[in-house]
Amino acid sequence: MLKNLQFDDIMYKNIYRRSKRMNSDLNIYFSMAINGGRQKQPTGKDLIDYCKTLGIVLNEYIGKRNVLLHERKKFDIYSRNMAWIEDANIMIAEVSVHSFGVGMEIQKAISHNIPVLCLYDKIMLNGNEISRMLTSCKNIKLVGYKTNADAKKIISEFIESVIAESK
């Protein structure tokens, strides 16, 4: 799917080439807020780095601090991201910061029967409500975490359960 897209940035070309070269059995799409707020960027980067030990993170760039500089370039972000989601085996979304884009990406994964894990920071939200669209959705697994170590354990358990169900 991605081979048909036009890329304007060498970083995206390199990520795609690397994912195809490594022939991983597990392609992960990691979703988190970009324009809505970057409060969880350090957590996102840590979780992406962890996910890279488990498979290919198709869009690892979103964990980078300067992602907004790259996302403001004029190219078709929507088509690129939707293609990456279609190439994914699973989606992991950090949903502590509200984001329309993350919601669209989750819906795309659901529509393609891609297992979705949504993580939220229990401490950051401190009793504030997570989106009701997520809490009422039966097609995702929504789990709160207190530390990055907790989130990594949840990710591992989710991936193990997806693999077990696919056998």
Foldseek 3Di string as FASTA:
>chain_A
DLVPFDDDDVVLVVLVVVQVVVPWPFEEEEAEDDVLDCPCLCLLLVLLVLVVVVGRHNCSVSSDPVVVVVVPDDGDPPVNLLVSLLVGQAYEYAQQGPDPVRVVSVVSNVVNLRAYEYEYACVSCVPPDGDPVVVPDPRYHYDYDHDSVRVSVVVVVVVVVSVVVVD
